[in-house]
Amino acid sequence: MKMDNGFYVEPIGLADGLALWWNNEIKLSVLHFDKNFIDTIISLNGEEEWFGTFIYAPPYESEKQDFWERIGRLRNTNNEKWCIMGDTNTVTSPYEKHGGLQFDQNNAKWYFEFLERSYLMELHSTGGAYT
């Protein structure tokens, strides 16, 4: 991949584990991490800094509420520039659900409560089945 820098969260057995790579044009410092996220502060070409949190939310319902509460504690104010990227493992509408377990309204509720408390909004993407 020819990236200049990298940061890894080691897997626990065969599960979890995260990796983040970036080039030297990006000034990036890791602030916090655990098995589900890497929280950073980023500056591109000397521009203003912003927070970037790269996530892989737990797929298990029993862990989701705690995850969104942990992520919400990373920022203390609503005036910080913050972008969260990754897999939320959250279906937010029954119309997004195809097969498998039934739509779980609690998972969507915890996610939307997190967005509201953190003054964030979801940006939708289009394209392939997993965008």
C-alpha atoms as a PDB file:
ATOM      1  CA  MET A   1       0.000   0.000   0.000  1.00  0.00           C
ATOM      2  CA  LYS A   2       3.080   2.242   0.205  1.00  0.00           C
ATOM      3  CA  MET A   3       1.937   4.211   3.255  1.00  0.00           C
ATOM      4  CA  ASP A   4       4.517   6.003   5.375  1.00  0.00           C
ATOM      5  CA  ASN A   5       2.931   5.454   8.790  1.00  0.00           C
ATOM      6  CA  GLY A   6       0.675   3.001  10.541  1.00  0.00           C
ATOM      7  CA  PHE A   7      -0.990   2.247  13.845  1.00  0.00           C
ATOM      8  CA  TYR A   8      -2.373  -1.120  14.918  1.00  0.00           C
ATOM      9  CA  VAL A   9      -4.672  -2.378  17.647  1.00  0.00           C
ATOM     10  CA  GLU A  10      -3.780  -6.017  18.136  1.00  0.00           C
ATOM     11  CA  PRO A  11      -6.586  -8.563  17.776  1.00  0.00           C
ATOM     12  CA  ILE A  12      -7.858 -10.499  20.760  1.00  0.00           C
ATOM     13  CA  GLY A  13      -7.528 -14.090  19.596  1.00  0.00           C
ATOM     14  CA  LEU A  14      -9.127 -14.255  16.149  1.00  0.00           C
ATOM     15  CA  ALA A  15     -11.485 -11.331  16.795  1.00  0.00           C
ATOM     16  CA  ASP A  16     -11.208  -7.562  16.684  1.00  0.00           C
ATOM     17  CA  GLY A  17      -8.030  -5.750  15.697  1.00  0.00           C
ATOM     18  CA  LEU A  18      -7.812  -2.450  13.808  1.00  0.00           C
ATOM     19  CA  ALA A  19      -5.262  -0.866  11.500  1.00  0.00           C
ATOM     20  CA  LEU A  20      -4.809   2.690  10.272  1.00  0.00           C
ATOM     21  CA  TRP A  21      -2.285   3.832   7.643  1.00  0.00           C
ATOM     22  CA  TRP A  22      -1.442   7.328   6.385  1.00  0.00           C
ATOM     23  CA  ASN A  23       1.084   9.258   4.288  1.00  0.00           C
ATOM     24  CA  ASN A  24       3.536  11.905   5.502  1.00  0.00           C
ATOM     25  CA  GLU A  25       1.381  14.757   4.089  1.00  0.00           C
ATOM     26  CA  ILE A  26      -0.997  14.001   6.932  1.00  0.00           C
ATOM     27  CA  LYS A  27      -0.019  14.980  10.462  1.00  0.00           C
ATOM     28  CA  LEU A  28      -1.814  12.446  12.651  1.00  0.00           C
ATOM     29  CA  SER A  29      -1.497  11.673  16.345  1.00  0.00           C
ATOM     30  CA  VAL A  30      -3.331   8.836  18.078  1.00  0.00           C
ATOM     31  CA  LEU A  31      -5.082  10.100  21.218  1.00  0.00           C
ATOM     32  CA  HIS A  32      -7.068   7.061  22.409  1.00  0.00           C
ATOM     33  CA  PHE A  33      -7.799   3.562  21.205  1.00  0.00           C
ATOM     34  CA  ASP A  34      -9.419   0.320  22.195  1.00  0.00           C
ATOM     35  CA  LYS A  35     -10.618  -2.802  20.409  1.00  0.00           C
ATOM     36  CA  ASN A  36     -13.362  -0.836  18.579  1.00  0.00           C
ATOM     37  CA  PHE A  37     -11.830   2.521  17.701  1.00  0.00           C
ATOM     38  CA  ILE A  38      -8.752   4.619  17.020  1.00  0.00           C
ATOM     39  CA  ASP A  39      -9.223   8.274  17.995  1.00  0.00           C
ATOM     40  CA  THR A  40      -6.871  10.790  16.374  1.00  0.00           C
ATOM     41  CA  ILE A  41      -6.149  14.446  15.787  1.00  0.00           C
ATOM     42  CA  ILE A  42      -5.373  15.248  12.149  1.00  0.00           C
ATOM     43  CA  SER A  43      -3.981  18.117  10.112  1.00  0.00           C
ATOM     44  CA  LEU A  44      -3.626  18.081   6.319  1.00  0.00           C
ATOM     45  CA  ASN A  45      -0.771  20.182   4.894  1.00  0.00           C
ATOM     46  CA  GLY A  46      -0.602  22.379   7.995  1.00  0.00           C
ATOM     47  CA  GLU A  47      -4.310  23.296   7.880  1.00  0.00           C
ATOM     48  CA  GLU A  48      -6.512  23.525  10.963  1.00  0.00           C
ATOM     49  CA  GLU A  49      -6.610  20.408  13.120  1.00  0.00           C
ATOM     50  CA  TRP A  50      -9.681  18.219  13.482  1.00  0.00           C
ATOM     51  CA  PHE A  51     -10.520  14.997  15.275  1.00  0.00           C
ATOM     52  CA  GLY A  52     -10.915  11.756  13.341  1.00  0.00           C
ATOM     53  CA  THR A  53     -12.257   8.648  15.026  1.00  0.00           C
ATOM     54  CA  PHE A  54     -12.030   5.418  13.041  1.00  0.00           C
ATOM     55  CA  ILE A  55     -14.481   2.811  14.292  1.00  0.00           C
ATOM     56  CA  TYR A  56     -15.561  -0.750  13.968  1.00  0.00           C
ATOM     57  CA  ALA A  57     -18.621  -0.863  16.218  1.00  0.00           C
ATOM     58  CA  PRO A  58     -19.357  -4.158  17.942  1.00  0.00           C
ATOM     59  CA  PRO A  59     -21.754  -6.412  16.061  1.00  0.00           C
ATOM     60  CA  TYR A  60     -23.263  -7.724  19.320  1.00  0.00           C
ATOM     61  CA  GLU A  61     -26.364  -5.995  20.692  1.00  0.00           C
ATOM     62  CA  SER A  62     -25.162  -6.431  24.283  1.00  0.00           C
ATOM     63  CA  GLU A  63     -22.096  -4.227  23.560  1.00  0.00           C
ATOM     64  CA  LYS A  64     -23.597  -1.494  21.359  1.00  0.00           C
ATOM     65  CA  GLN A  65     -25.000   0.903  23.978  1.00  0.00           C
ATOM     66  CA  ASP A  66     -21.724   0.897  25.936  1.00  0.00           C
ATOM     67  CA  PHE A  67     -19.766   1.478  22.709  1.00  0.00           C
ATOM     68  CA  TRP A  68     -21.736   4.614  21.747  1.00  0.00           C
ATOM     69  CA  GLU A  69     -21.397   5.948  25.294  1.00  0.00           C
ATOM     70  CA  ARG A  70     -17.585   5.412  25.199  1.00  0.00           C
ATOM     71  CA  ILE A  71     -17.294   7.160  21.823  1.00  0.00           C
ATOM     72  CA  GLY A  72     -19.449  10.029  23.088  1.00  0.00           C
ATOM     73  CA  ARG A  73     -17.055  10.638  25.989  1.00  0.00           C
ATOM     74  CA  LEU A  74     -14.139  11.308  23.616  1.00  0.00           C
ATOM     75  CA  ARG A  75     -15.221  14.916  22.938  1.00  0.00           C
ATOM     76  CA  ASN A  76     -16.315  17.279  25.704  1.00  0.00           C
ATOM     77  CA  THR A  77     -17.744  20.151  23.661  1.00  0.00           C
ATOM     78  CA  ASN A  78     -19.800  20.587  20.540  1.00  0.00           C
ATOM     79  CA  ASN A  79     -17.490  23.159  18.954  1.00  0.00           C
ATOM     80  CA  GLU A  80     -14.743  20.728  17.974  1.00  0.00           C
ATOM     81  CA  LYS A  81     -14.399  19.555  14.376  1.00  0.00           C
ATOM     82  CA  TRP A  82     -14.967  15.814  14.506  1.00  0.00           C
ATOM     83  CA  CYS A  83     -15.471  13.160  11.844  1.00  0.00           C
ATOM     84  CA  ILE A  84     -16.227   9.535  12.649  1.00  0.00           C
ATOM     85  CA  MET A  85     -15.508   7.018   9.892  1.00  0.00           C
ATOM     86  CA  GLY A  86     -15.963   3.293   9.702  1.00  0.00           C
ATOM     87  CA  ASP A  87     -18.494   0.572  10.289  1.00  0.00           C
ATOM     88  CA  THR A  88     -21.270   1.448  12.750  1.00  0.00           C
ATOM     89  CA  ASN A  89     -22.698  -2.087  12.537  1.00  0.00           C
ATOM     90  CA  THR A  90     -26.066  -0.363  12.927  1.00  0.00           C
ATOM     91  CA  VAL A  91     -29.097  -0.693  10.713  1.00  0.00           C
ATOM     92  CA  THR A  92     -31.014   2.558  11.172  1.00  0.00           C
ATOM     93  CA  SER A  93     -34.219   1.646   9.364  1.00  0.00           C
ATOM     94  CA  PRO A  94     -36.152  -1.560   8.670  1.00  0.00           C
ATOM     95  CA  TYR A  95     -35.901  -0.631   4.965  1.00  0.00           C
ATOM     96  CA  GLU A  96     -32.107  -1.125   5.113  1.00  0.00           C
ATOM     97  CA  LYS A  97     -32.476  -4.647   6.506  1.00  0.00           C
ATOM     98  CA  HIS A  98     -32.390  -7.655   4.182  1.00  0.00           C
ATOM     99  CA  GLY A  99     -32.416 -11.140   5.723  1.00  0.00           C
ATOM    100  CA  GLY A 100     -30.823 -12.308   8.951  1.00  0.00           C
ATOM    101  CA  LEU A 101     -32.136 -11.191  12.317  1.00  0.00           C
ATOM    102  CA  GLN A 102     -35.054  -8.802  12.563  1.00  0.00           C
ATOM    103  CA  PHE A 103     -34.521  -5.036  12.669  1.00  0.00           C
ATOM    104  CA  ASP A 104     -33.540  -3.989  16.221  1.00  0.00           C
ATOM    105  CA  GLN A 105     -34.974  -0.589  17.089  1.00  0.00           C
ATOM    106  CA  ASN A 106     -32.770  -0.280  20.218  1.00  0.00           C
ATOM    107  CA  ASN A 107     -29.572  -0.359  18.145  1.00  0.00           C
ATOM    108  CA  ALA A 108     -30.843   2.485  15.952  1.00  0.00           C
ATOM    109  CA  LYS A 109     -32.041   4.394  19.043  1.00  0.00           C
ATOM    110  CA  TRP A 110     -28.615   4.248  20.749  1.00  0.00           C
ATOM    111  CA  TYR A 111     -26.900   5.366  17.556  1.00  0.00           C
ATOM    112  CA  PHE A 112     -29.245   8.314  16.944  1.00  0.00           C
ATOM    113  CA  GLU A 113     -29.028   9.365  20.619  1.00  0.00           C
ATOM    114  CA  PHE A 114     -25.234   9.385  20.308  1.00  0.00           C
ATOM    115  CA  LEU A 115     -25.408  11.556  17.165  1.00  0.00           C
ATOM    116  CA  GLU A 116     -27.745  14.020  18.881  1.00  0.00           C
ATOM    117  CA  ARG A 117     -25.697  14.259  22.106  1.00  0.00           C
ATOM    118  CA  SER A 118     -22.494  14.733  20.105  1.00  0.00           C
ATOM    119  CA  TYR A 119     -23.918  17.311  17.668  1.00  0.00           C
ATOM    120  CA  LEU A 120     -23.053  15.045  14.733  1.00  0.00           C
ATOM    121  CA  MET A 121     -24.966  14.048  11.646  1.00  0.00           C
ATOM    122  CA  GLU A 122     -24.857  11.005   9.463  1.00  0.00           C
ATOM    123  CA  LEU A 123     -23.599  11.454   5.916  1.00  0.00           C
ATOM    124  CA  HIS A 124     -25.086   8.914   3.580  1.00  0.00           C
ATOM    125  CA  SER A 125     -23.137   7.313   0.786  1.00  0.00           C
ATOM    126  CA  THR A 126     -24.206   5.600  -2.368  1.00  0.00           C
ATOM    127  CA  GLY A 127     -22.641   2.897  -4.433  1.00  0.00           C
ATOM    128  CA  GLY A 128     -22.054  -0.742  -3.680  1.00  0.00           C
ATOM    129  CA  ALA A 129     -23.932  -2.856  -1.195  1.00  0.00           C
ATOM    130  CA  TYR A 130     -21.417  -2.104   1.586  1.00  0.00           C
ATOM    131  CA  THR A 131     -20.515   1.591   1.400  1.00  0.00           C
END
